Amino acid sequence: MRSELNLGTHKNLRLLIIIALATILLMVPLIAMCLTTEIEWTTLDFLVAAFLLFGTGLICEAVMRKYRNARQRLIICAAVLIILFLLWAELAVGIFGSPIAGS
């Protein structure tokens, strides 16, 4: 019973860390906007970034809770992160020239 309690606490701590990291990452452009005029994010930019970061974190957390095999966890979370990076790059600079990048 004690190990079950520790596992639940461990999972909640991991979720808290994911949420904290996503929040810290969102604060980077916010702080940069206060220090320079070269960065100009709108509210929509922050909303999209928050959706991508928190969504990716929550998907990876769900994968960690559902799959016990470390290899499956690694492969699925790596695929989710690759999708995040490609989507982020497309939205930022339009590397594929798709309509979502404004091209």
PDB file of N, CA and C in Angstrom:
ATOM      1  N   MET A   1       0.819  -1.187   0.000  1.00  0.00           N
ATOM      2  CA  MET A   1       0.000   0.000   0.000  1.00  0.00           C
ATOM      3  C   MET A   1       0.863   1.251   0.000  1.00  0.00           C
ATOM      4  N   ARG A   2       1.943   1.225   0.731  1.00  0.00           N
ATOM      5  CA  ARG A   2       2.810   2.386   0.799  1.00  0.00           C
ATOM      6  C   ARG A   2       3.420   2.699  -0.569  1.00  0.00           C
ATOM      7  N   SER A   3       3.802   1.673  -1.347  1.00  0.00           N
ATOM      8  CA  SER A   3       4.386   1.906  -2.669  1.00  0.00           C
ATOM      9  C   SER A   3       3.365   2.528  -3.619  1.00  0.00           C
ATOM     10  N   GLU A   4       2.083   2.166  -3.477  1.00  0.00           N
ATOM     11  CA  GLU A   4       1.051   2.778  -4.299  1.00  0.00           C
ATOM     12  C   GLU A   4       0.922   4.263  -3.993  1.00  0.00           C
ATOM     13  N   LEU A   5       1.034   4.612  -2.728  1.00  0.00           N
ATOM     14  CA  LEU A   5       0.956   6.003  -2.321  1.00  0.00           C
ATOM     15  C   LEU A   5       2.126   6.779  -2.904  1.00  0.00           C
ATOM     16  N   ASN A   6       3.317   6.196  -2.855  1.00  0.00           N
ATOM     17  CA  ASN A   6       4.488   6.855  -3.407  1.00  0.00           C
ATOM     18  C   ASN A   6       4.372   7.015  -4.920  1.00  0.00           C
ATOM     19  N   LEU A   7       3.815   6.014  -5.608  1.00  0.00           N
ATOM     20  CA  LEU A   7       3.649   6.116  -7.051  1.00  0.00           C
ATOM     21  C   LEU A   7       2.693   7.242  -7.406  1.00  0.00           C
ATOM     22  N   GLY A   8       1.605   7.371  -6.671  1.00  0.00           N
ATOM     23  CA  GLY A   8       0.654   8.444  -6.932  1.00  0.00           C
ATOM     24  C   GLY A   8       1.290   9.805  -6.718  1.00  0.00           C
ATOM     25  N   THR A   9       2.073   9.945  -5.673  1.00  0.00           N
ATOM     26  CA  THR A   9       2.763  11.198  -5.403  1.00  0.00           C
ATOM     27  C   THR A   9       3.783  11.486  -6.488  1.00  0.00           C
ATOM     28  N   HIS A  10       4.474  10.449  -6.937  1.00  0.00           N
ATOM     29  CA  HIS A  10       5.477  10.604  -7.994  1.00  0.00           C
ATOM     30  C   HIS A  10       4.825  11.084  -9.288  1.00  0.00           C
ATOM     31  N   LYS A  11       3.679  10.510  -9.629  1.00  0.00           N
ATOM     32  CA  LYS A  11       2.975  10.911 -10.845  1.00  0.00           C
ATOM     33  C   LYS A  11       2.502  12.353 -10.744  1.00  0.00           C
ATOM     34  N   ASN A  12       1.994  12.729  -9.580  1.00  0.00           N
ATOM     35  CA  ASN A  12       1.530  14.104  -9.402  1.00  0.00           C
ATOM     36  C   ASN A  12       2.687  15.090  -9.440  1.00  0.00           C
ATOM     37  N   LEU A  13       3.835  14.713  -8.886  1.00  0.00           N
ATOM     38  CA  LEU A  13       5.009  15.567  -8.923  1.00  0.00           C
ATOM     39  C   LEU A  13       5.475  15.755 -10.368  1.00  0.00           C
ATOM     40  N   ARG A  14       5.461  14.675 -11.137  1.00  0.00           N
ATOM     41  CA  ARG A  14       5.861  14.749 -12.539  1.00  0.00           C
ATOM     42  C   ARG A  14       4.930  15.685 -13.307  1.00  0.00           C
ATOM     43  N   LEU A  15       3.634  15.596 -13.061  1.00  0.00           N
ATOM     44  CA  LEU A  15       2.671  16.476 -13.713  1.00  0.00           C
ATOM     45  C   LEU A  15       2.909  17.924 -13.311  1.00  0.00           C
ATOM     46  N   LEU A  16       3.187  18.160 -12.046  1.00  0.00           N
ATOM     47  CA  LEU A  16       3.482  19.513 -11.570  1.00  0.00           C
ATOM     48  C   LEU A  16       4.733  20.068 -12.242  1.00  0.00           C
ATOM     49  N   ILE A  17       5.747  19.236 -12.415  1.00  0.00           N
ATOM     50  CA  ILE A  17       6.983  19.663 -13.079  1.00  0.00           C
ATOM     51  C   ILE A  17       6.711  20.007 -14.542  1.00  0.00           C
ATOM     52  N   ILE A  18       5.902  19.207 -15.217  1.00  0.00           N
ATOM     53  CA  ILE A  18       5.557  19.475 -16.621  1.00  0.00           C
ATOM     54  C   ILE A  18       4.839  20.815 -16.742  1.00  0.00           C
ATOM     55  N   ILE A  19       3.882  21.063 -15.876  1.00  0.00           N
ATOM     56  CA  ILE A  19       3.137  22.327 -15.915  1.00  0.00           C
ATOM     57  C   ILE A  19       4.057  23.501 -15.597  1.00  0.00           C
ATOM     58  N   ALA A  20       4.944  23.330 -14.620  1.00  0.00           N
ATOM     59  CA  ALA A  20       5.880  24.399 -14.261  1.00  0.00           C
ATOM     60  C   ALA A  20       6.834  24.705 -15.414  1.00  0.00           C
ATOM     61  N   LEU A  21       7.350  23.674 -16.072  1.00  0.00           N
ATOM     62  CA  LEU A  21       8.267  23.896 -17.195  1.00  0.00           C
ATOM     63  C   LEU A  21       7.574  24.602 -18.361  1.00  0.00           C
ATOM     64  N   ALA A  22       6.348  24.215 -18.656  1.00  0.00           N
ATOM     65  CA  ALA A  22       5.606  24.874 -19.728  1.00  0.00           C
ATOM     66  C   ALA A  22       5.372  26.350 -19.383  1.00  0.00           C
ATOM     67  N   THR A  23       5.053  26.622 -18.139  1.00  0.00           N
ATOM     68  CA  THR A  23       4.833  28.001 -17.703  1.00  0.00           C
ATOM     69  C   THR A  23       6.120  28.814 -17.796  1.00  0.00           C
ATOM     70  N   ILE A  24       7.230  28.237 -17.366  1.00  0.00           N
ATOM     71  CA  ILE A  24       8.520  28.927 -17.452  1.00  0.00           C
ATOM     72  C   ILE A  24       8.880  29.208 -18.904  1.00  0.00           C
ATOM     73  N   LEU A  25       8.648  28.241 -19.779  1.00  0.00           N
ATOM     74  CA  LEU A  25       8.934  28.460 -21.196  1.00  0.00           C
ATOM     75  C   LEU A  25       8.079  29.583 -21.781  1.00  0.00           C
ATOM     76  N   LEU A  26       6.845  29.710 -21.322  1.00  0.00           N
ATOM     77  CA  LEU A  26       5.984  30.797 -21.784  1.00  0.00           C
ATOM     78  C   LEU A  26       6.426  32.149 -21.233  1.00  0.00           C
ATOM     79  N   MET A  27       7.093  32.143 -20.103  1.00  0.00           N
ATOM     80  CA  MET A  27       7.557  33.398 -19.514  1.00  0.00           C
ATOM     81  C   MET A  27       8.778  33.963 -20.224  1.00  0.00           C
ATOM     82  N   VAL A  28       9.524  33.129 -20.930  1.00  0.00           N
ATOM     83  CA  VAL A  28      10.731  33.590 -21.623  1.00  0.00           C
ATOM     84  C   VAL A  28      10.405  34.689 -22.638  1.00  0.00           C
ATOM     85  N   PRO A  29       9.469  34.476 -23.583  1.00  0.00           N
ATOM     86  CA  PRO A  29       9.171  35.570 -24.514  1.00  0.00           C
ATOM     87  C   PRO A  29       8.505  36.769 -23.826  1.00  0.00           C
ATOM     88  N   LEU A  30       7.748  36.513 -22.761  1.00  0.00           N
ATOM     89  CA  LEU A  30       7.115  37.611 -22.031  1.00  0.00           C
ATOM     90  C   LEU A  30       8.169  38.525 -21.412  1.00  0.00           C
ATOM     91  N   ILE A  31       9.161  37.943 -20.774  1.00  0.00           N
ATOM     92  CA  ILE A  31      10.245  38.729 -20.180  1.00  0.00           C
ATOM     93  C   ILE A  31      11.066  39.401 -21.275  1.00  0.00           C
ATOM     94  N   ALA A  32      11.331  38.675 -22.362  1.00  0.00           N
ATOM     95  CA  ALA A  32      12.093  39.253 -23.468  1.00  0.00           C
ATOM     96  C   ALA A  32      11.371  40.458 -24.079  1.00  0.00           C
ATOM     97  N   MET A  33      10.038  40.401 -24.125  1.00  0.00           N
ATOM     98  CA  MET A  33       9.271  41.527 -24.652  1.00  0.00           C
ATOM     99  C   MET A  33       9.436  42.769 -23.772  1.00  0.00           C
ATOM    100  N   CYS A  34       9.649  42.563 -22.488  1.00  0.00           N
ATOM    101  CA  CYS A  34       9.861  43.688 -21.571  1.00  0.00           C
ATOM    102  C   CYS A  34      11.250  44.293 -21.735  1.00  0.00           C
ATOM    103  N   LEU A  35      12.192  43.506 -22.221  1.00  0.00           N
ATOM    104  CA  LEU A  35      13.575  43.958 -22.318  1.00  0.00           C
ATOM    105  C   LEU A  35      13.962  44.494 -23.693  1.00  0.00           C
ATOM    106  N   THR A  36      13.233  44.092 -24.727  1.00  0.00           N
ATOM    107  CA  THR A  36      13.587  44.513 -26.077  1.00  0.00           C
ATOM    108  C   THR A  36      12.325  44.734 -26.911  1.00  0.00           C
ATOM    109  N   THR A  37      12.478  45.502 -27.957  1.00  0.00           N
ATOM    110  CA  THR A  37      11.348  45.733 -28.858  1.00  0.00           C
ATOM    111  C   THR A  37      11.380  44.788 -30.056  1.00  0.00           C
ATOM    112  N   GLU A  38      12.378  43.931 -30.129  1.00  0.00           N
ATOM    113  CA  GLU A  38      12.511  43.028 -31.269  1.00  0.00           C
ATOM    114  C   GLU A  38      11.554  41.842 -31.202  1.00  0.00           C
ATOM    115  N   ILE A  39      11.026  41.557 -30.037  1.00  0.00           N
ATOM    116  CA  ILE A  39      10.090  40.445 -29.870  1.00  0.00           C
ATOM    117  C   ILE A  39       8.707  41.034 -29.662  1.00  0.00           C
ATOM    118  N   GLU A  40       7.782  40.645 -30.524  1.00  0.00           N
ATOM    119  CA  GLU A  40       6.427  41.176 -30.456  1.00  0.00           C
ATOM    120  C   GLU A  40       5.415  40.036 -30.549  1.00  0.00           C
ATOM    121  N   TRP A  41       5.127  39.420 -29.441  1.00  0.00           N
ATOM    122  CA  TRP A  41       4.121  38.360 -29.402  1.00  0.00           C
ATOM    123  C   TRP A  41       2.769  38.975 -29.077  1.00  0.00           C
ATOM    124  N   THR A  42       1.737  38.480 -29.718  1.00  0.00           N
ATOM    125  CA  THR A  42       0.376  38.912 -29.415  1.00  0.00           C
ATOM    126  C   THR A  42      -0.250  37.912 -28.435  1.00  0.00           C
ATOM    127  N   THR A  43      -1.435  38.223 -27.992  1.00  0.00           N
ATOM    128  CA  THR A  43      -2.160  37.307 -27.110  1.00  0.00           C
ATOM    129  C   THR A  43      -2.386  35.967 -27.803  1.00  0.00           C
ATOM    130  N   LEU A  44      -2.677  36.014 -29.095  1.00  0.00           N
ATOM    131  CA  LEU A  44      -2.881  34.776 -29.847  1.00  0.00           C
ATOM    132  C   LEU A  44      -1.604  33.939 -29.876  1.00  0.00           C
ATOM    133  N   ASP A  45      -0.453  34.579 -30.009  1.00  0.00           N
ATOM    134  CA  ASP A  45       0.815  33.849 -29.987  1.00  0.00           C
ATOM    135  C   ASP A  45       1.001  33.108 -28.665  1.00  0.00           C
ATOM    136  N   PHE A  46       0.697  33.788 -27.570  1.00  0.00           N
ATOM    137  CA  PHE A  46       0.822  33.147 -26.254  1.00  0.00           C
ATOM    138  C   PHE A  46      -0.189  32.016 -26.089  1.00  0.00           C
ATOM    139  N   LEU A  47      -1.400  32.203 -26.593  1.00  0.00           N
ATOM    140  CA  LEU A  47      -2.414  31.152 -26.490  1.00  0.00           C
ATOM    141  C   LEU A  47      -2.017  29.908 -27.287  1.00  0.00           C
ATOM    142  N   VAL A  48      -1.520  30.115 -28.493  1.00  0.00           N
ATOM    143  CA  VAL A  48      -1.089  28.987 -29.330  1.00  0.00           C
ATOM    144  C   VAL A  48       0.100  28.275 -28.675  1.00  0.00           C
ATOM    145  N   ALA A  49       1.064  29.052 -28.191  1.00  0.00           N
ATOM    146  CA  ALA A  49       2.230  28.454 -27.533  1.00  0.00           C
ATOM    147  C   ALA A  49       1.801  27.680 -26.286  1.00  0.00           C
ATOM    148  N   ALA A  50       0.890  28.245 -25.509  1.00  0.00           N
ATOM    149  CA  ALA A  50       0.414  27.561 -24.307  1.00  0.00           C
ATOM    150  C   ALA A  50      -0.295  26.265 -24.678  1.00  0.00           C
ATOM    151  N   PHE A  51      -1.131  26.311 -25.700  1.00  0.00           N
ATOM    152  CA  PHE A  51      -1.833  25.109 -26.155  1.00  0.00           C
ATOM    153  C   PHE A  51      -0.829  24.033 -26.577  1.00  0.00           C
ATOM    154  N   LEU A  52       0.184  24.425 -27.351  1.00  0.00           N
ATOM    155  CA  LEU A  52       1.179  23.453 -27.810  1.00  0.00           C
ATOM    156  C   LEU A  52       2.003  22.893 -26.654  1.00  0.00           C
ATOM    157  N   LEU A  53       2.484  23.758 -25.771  1.00  0.00           N
ATOM    158  CA  LEU A  53       3.341  23.300 -24.679  1.00  0.00           C
ATOM    159  C   LEU A  53       2.580  22.462 -23.654  1.00  0.00           C
ATOM    160  N   PHE A  54       1.447  22.983 -23.191  1.00  0.00           N
ATOM    161  CA  PHE A  54       0.681  22.226 -22.199  1.00  0.00           C
ATOM    162  C   PHE A  54       0.098  20.958 -22.817  1.00  0.00           C
ATOM    163  N   GLY A  55      -0.348  21.038 -24.063  1.00  0.00           N
ATOM    164  CA  GLY A  55      -0.882  19.859 -24.744  1.00  0.00           C
ATOM    165  C   GLY A  55       0.157  18.769 -24.886  1.00  0.00           C
ATOM    166  N   THR A  56       1.353  19.155 -25.313  1.00  0.00           N
ATOM    167  CA  THR A  56       2.432  18.181 -25.461  1.00  0.00           C
ATOM    168  C   THR A  56       2.798  17.580 -24.111  1.00  0.00           C
ATOM    169  N   GLY A  57       2.899  18.411 -23.102  1.00  0.00           N
ATOM    170  CA  GLY A  57       3.234  17.918 -21.773  1.00  0.00           C
ATOM    171  C   GLY A  57       2.189  16.959 -21.233  1.00  0.00           C
ATOM    172  N   LEU A  58       0.926  17.299 -21.434  1.00  0.00           N
ATOM    173  CA  LEU A  58      -0.144  16.434 -20.936  1.00  0.00           C
ATOM    174  C   LEU A  58      -0.232  15.130 -21.719  1.00  0.00           C
ATOM    175  N   ILE A  59       0.038  15.188 -23.014  1.00  0.00           N
ATOM    176  CA  ILE A  59       0.060  13.951 -23.810  1.00  0.00           C
ATOM    177  C   ILE A  59       1.193  13.043 -23.331  1.00  0.00           C
ATOM    178  N   CYS A  60       2.368  13.620 -23.112  1.00  0.00           N
ATOM    179  CA  CYS A  60       3.490  12.810 -22.629  1.00  0.00           C
ATOM    180  C   CYS A  60       3.202  12.253 -21.235  1.00  0.00           C
ATOM    181  N   GLU A  61       2.546  13.022 -20.386  1.00  0.00           N
ATOM    182  CA  GLU A  61       2.171  12.525 -19.057  1.00  0.00           C
ATOM    183  C   GLU A  61       1.183  11.365 -19.177  1.00  0.00           C
ATOM    184  N   ALA A  62       0.226  11.491 -20.084  1.00  0.00           N
ATOM    185  CA  ALA A  62      -0.742  10.403 -20.288  1.00  0.00           C
ATOM    186  C   ALA A  62      -0.045   9.142 -20.793  1.00  0.00           C
ATOM    187  N   VAL A  63       0.925   9.318 -21.680  1.00  0.00           N
ATOM    188  CA  VAL A  63       1.698   8.175 -22.186  1.00  0.00           C
ATOM    189  C   VAL A  63       2.471   7.531 -21.041  1.00  0.00           C
ATOM    190  N   MET A  64       3.077   8.348 -20.190  1.00  0.00           N
ATOM    191  CA  MET A  64       3.850   7.811 -19.065  1.00  0.00           C
ATOM    192  C   MET A  64       2.958   7.029 -18.099  1.00  0.00           C
ATOM    193  N   ARG A  65       1.717   7.454 -17.947  1.00  0.00           N
ATOM    194  CA  ARG A  65       0.806   6.749 -17.033  1.00  0.00           C
ATOM    195  C   ARG A  65       0.220   5.484 -17.667  1.00  0.00           C
ATOM    196  N   LYS A  66       0.044   5.499 -18.985  1.00  0.00           N
ATOM    197  CA  LYS A  66      -0.618   4.379 -19.653  1.00  0.00           C
ATOM    198  C   LYS A  66       0.340   3.232 -19.962  1.00  0.00           C
ATOM    199  N   TYR A  67       1.531   3.538 -20.443  1.00  0.00           N
ATOM    200  CA  TYR A  67       2.466   2.507 -20.882  1.00  0.00           C
ATOM    201  C   TYR A  67       3.509   2.229 -19.809  1.00  0.00           C
ATOM    202  N   ARG A  68       3.735   0.970 -19.536  1.00  0.00           N
ATOM    203  CA  ARG A  68       4.731   0.560 -18.538  1.00  0.00           C
ATOM    204  C   ARG A  68       6.102   0.320 -19.169  1.00  0.00           C
ATOM    205  N   ASN A  69       6.126  -0.045 -20.439  1.00  0.00           N
ATOM    206  CA  ASN A  69       7.363  -0.350 -21.128  1.00  0.00           C
ATOM    207  C   ASN A  69       8.118   0.951 -21.429  1.00  0.00           C
ATOM    208  N   ALA A  70       9.350   1.040 -20.953  1.00  0.00           N
ATOM    209  CA  ALA A  70      10.143   2.266 -21.118  1.00  0.00           C
ATOM    210  C   ALA A  70      10.405   2.574 -22.590  1.00  0.00           C
ATOM    211  N   ARG A  71      10.585   1.534 -23.398  1.00  0.00           N
ATOM    212  CA  ARG A  71      10.853   1.745 -24.828  1.00  0.00           C
ATOM    213  C   ARG A  71       9.636   2.362 -25.522  1.00  0.00           C
ATOM    214  N   GLN A  72       8.449   1.860 -25.208  1.00  0.00           N
ATOM    215  CA  GLN A  72       7.230   2.427 -25.785  1.00  0.00           C
ATOM    216  C   GLN A  72       7.047   3.875 -25.351  1.00  0.00           C
ATOM    217  N   ARG A  73       7.289   4.152 -24.089  1.00  0.00           N
ATOM    218  CA  ARG A  73       7.195   5.523 -23.593  1.00  0.00           C
ATOM    219  C   ARG A  73       8.125   6.451 -24.358  1.00  0.00           C
ATOM    220  N   LEU A  74       9.365   6.013 -24.518  1.00  0.00           N
ATOM    221  CA  LEU A  74      10.369   6.827 -25.198  1.00  0.00           C
ATOM    222  C   LEU A  74       9.987   7.091 -26.648  1.00  0.00           C
ATOM    223  N   ILE A  75       9.568   6.065 -27.352  1.00  0.00           N
ATOM    224  CA  ILE A  75       9.220   6.217 -28.771  1.00  0.00           C
ATOM    225  C   ILE A  75       8.019   7.144 -28.950  1.00  0.00           C
ATOM    226  N   ILE A  76       6.984   6.938 -28.159  1.00  0.00           N
ATOM    227  CA  ILE A  76       5.772   7.752 -28.312  1.00  0.00           C
ATOM    228  C   ILE A  76       6.041   9.198 -27.910  1.00  0.00           C
ATOM    229  N   CYS A  77       6.709   9.412 -26.788  1.00  0.00           N
ATOM    230  CA  CYS A  77       7.001  10.783 -26.359  1.00  0.00           C
ATOM    231  C   CYS A  77       7.960  11.475 -27.323  1.00  0.00           C
ATOM    232  N   ALA A  78       8.909  10.743 -27.871  1.00  0.00           N
ATOM    233  CA  ALA A  78       9.818  11.333 -28.869  1.00  0.00           C
ATOM    234  C   ALA A  78       9.044  11.751 -30.112  1.00  0.00           C
ATOM    235  N   ALA A  79       8.101  10.919 -30.545  1.00  0.00           N
ATOM    236  CA  ALA A  79       7.283  11.266 -31.714  1.00  0.00           C
ATOM    237  C   ALA A  79       6.436  12.513 -31.436  1.00  0.00           C
ATOM    238  N   VAL A  80       5.871  12.598 -30.243  1.00  0.00           N
ATOM    239  CA  VAL A  80       5.068  13.773 -29.868  1.00  0.00           C
ATOM    240  C   VAL A  80       5.946  15.022 -29.849  1.00  0.00           C
ATOM    241  N   LEU A  81       7.152  14.916 -29.307  1.00  0.00           N
ATOM    242  CA  LEU A  81       8.065  16.063 -29.271  1.00  0.00           C
ATOM    243  C   LEU A  81       8.521  16.485 -30.660  1.00  0.00           C
ATOM    244  N   ILE A  82       8.766  15.519 -31.535  1.00  0.00           N
ATOM    245  CA  ILE A  82       9.144  15.849 -32.911  1.00  0.00           C
ATOM    246  C   ILE A  82       8.016  16.596 -33.603  1.00  0.00           C
ATOM    247  N   ILE A  83       6.797  16.144 -33.405  1.00  0.00           N
ATOM    248  CA  ILE A  83       5.639  16.842 -33.981  1.00  0.00           C
ATOM    249  C   ILE A  83       5.549  18.256 -33.425  1.00  0.00           C
ATOM    250  N   LEU A  84       5.761  18.410 -32.117  1.00  0.00           N
ATOM    251  CA  LEU A  84       5.748  19.749 -31.511  1.00  0.00           C
ATOM    252  C   LEU A  84       6.798  20.643 -32.159  1.00  0.00           C
ATOM    253  N   PHE A  85       8.024  20.163 -32.278  1.00  0.00           N
ATOM    254  CA  PHE A  85       9.100  20.983 -32.845  1.00  0.00           C
ATOM    255  C   PHE A  85       8.824  21.359 -34.292  1.00  0.00           C
ATOM    256  N   LEU A  86       8.324  20.405 -35.081  1.00  0.00           N
ATOM    257  CA  LEU A  86       8.011  20.711 -36.479  1.00  0.00           C
ATOM    258  C   LEU A  86       6.873  21.722 -36.598  1.00  0.00           C
ATOM    259  N   LEU A  87       5.852  21.564 -35.791  1.00  0.00           N
ATOM    260  CA  LEU A  87       4.732  22.497 -35.813  1.00  0.00           C
ATOM    261  C   LEU A  87       5.166  23.878 -35.334  1.00  0.00           C
ATOM    262  N   TRP A  88       5.990  23.920 -34.284  1.00  0.00           N
ATOM    263  CA  TRP A  88       6.490  25.190 -33.767  1.00  0.00           C
ATOM    264  C   TRP A  88       7.338  25.902 -34.829  1.00  0.00           C
ATOM    265  N   ALA A  89       8.210  25.161 -35.487  1.00  0.00           N
ATOM    266  CA  ALA A  89       9.049  25.756 -36.534  1.00  0.00           C
ATOM    267  C   ALA A  89       8.206  26.249 -37.703  1.00  0.00           C
ATOM    268  N   GLU A  90       7.180  25.511 -38.054  1.00  0.00           N
ATOM    269  CA  GLU A  90       6.301  25.929 -39.147  1.00  0.00           C
ATOM    270  C   GLU A  90       5.567  27.208 -38.773  1.00  0.00           C
ATOM    271  N   LEU A  91       5.075  27.280 -37.564  1.00  0.00           N
ATOM    272  CA  LEU A  91       4.371  28.485 -37.134  1.00  0.00           C
ATOM    273  C   LEU A  91       5.319  29.677 -36.995  1.00  0.00           C
ATOM    274  N   ALA A  92       6.554  29.421 -36.593  1.00  0.00           N
ATOM    275  CA  ALA A  92       7.509  30.513 -36.371  1.00  0.00           C
ATOM    276  C   ALA A  92       8.066  31.083 -37.669  1.00  0.00           C
ATOM    277  N   VAL A  93       8.517  30.213 -38.553  1.00  0.00           N
ATOM    278  CA  VAL A  93       9.202  30.708 -39.756  1.00  0.00           C
ATOM    279  C   VAL A  93       8.678  30.116 -41.056  1.00  0.00           C
ATOM    280  N   GLY A  94       7.734  29.203 -40.995  1.00  0.00           N
ATOM    281  CA  GLY A  94       7.148  28.646 -42.210  1.00  0.00           C
ATOM    282  C   GLY A  94       8.101  27.774 -43.005  1.00  0.00           C
ATOM    283  N   ILE A  95       8.748  26.810 -42.367  1.00  0.00           N
ATOM    284  CA  ILE A  95       9.732  25.979 -43.071  1.00  0.00           C
ATOM    285  C   ILE A  95       9.127  25.116 -44.167  1.00  0.00           C
ATOM    286  N   PHE A  96       7.839  24.819 -44.066  1.00  0.00           N
ATOM    287  CA  PHE A  96       7.186  24.015 -45.097  1.00  0.00           C
ATOM    288  C   PHE A  96       6.339  24.843 -46.041  1.00  0.00           C
ATOM    289  N   GLY A  97       6.113  26.108 -45.703  1.00  0.00           N
ATOM    290  CA  GLY A  97       5.313  26.996 -46.552  1.00  0.00           C
ATOM    291  C   GLY A  97       3.827  26.657 -46.564  1.00  0.00           C
ATOM    292  N   SER A  98       3.318  26.119 -45.470  1.00  0.00           N
ATOM    293  CA  SER A  98       1.904  25.747 -45.411  1.00  0.00           C
ATOM    294  C   SER A  98       1.059  26.973 -45.059  1.00  0.00           C
ATOM    295  N   PRO A  99      -0.249  26.881 -45.280  1.00  0.00           N
ATOM    296  CA  PRO A  99      -1.137  28.003 -44.968  1.00  0.00           C
ATOM    297  C   PRO A  99      -1.167  28.373 -43.477  1.00  0.00           C
ATOM    298  N   ILE A 100      -0.891  27.437 -42.574  1.00  0.00           N
ATOM    299  CA  ILE A 100      -0.958  27.771 -41.156  1.00  0.00           C
ATOM    300  C   ILE A 100       0.159  28.727 -40.745  1.00  0.00           C
ATOM    301  N   ALA A 101       1.203  28.798 -41.535  1.00  0.00           N
ATOM    302  CA  ALA A 101       2.316  29.698 -41.228  1.00  0.00           C
ATOM    303  C   ALA A 101       2.069  31.096 -41.793  1.00  0.00           C
ATOM    304  N   GLY A 102       0.995  31.257 -42.510  1.00  0.00           N
ATOM    305  CA  GLY A 102       0.710  32.563 -43.097  1.00  0.00           C
ATOM    306  C   GLY A 102       1.380  32.769 -44.432  1.00  0.00           C
ATOM    307  N   SER A 103       1.877  31.701 -45.023  1.00  0.00           N
ATOM    308  CA  SER A 103       2.551  31.811 -46.321  1.00  0.00           C
ATOM    309  C   SER A 103       1.546  31.891 -47.453  1.00  0.00           C
TER     310      SER A 103
END
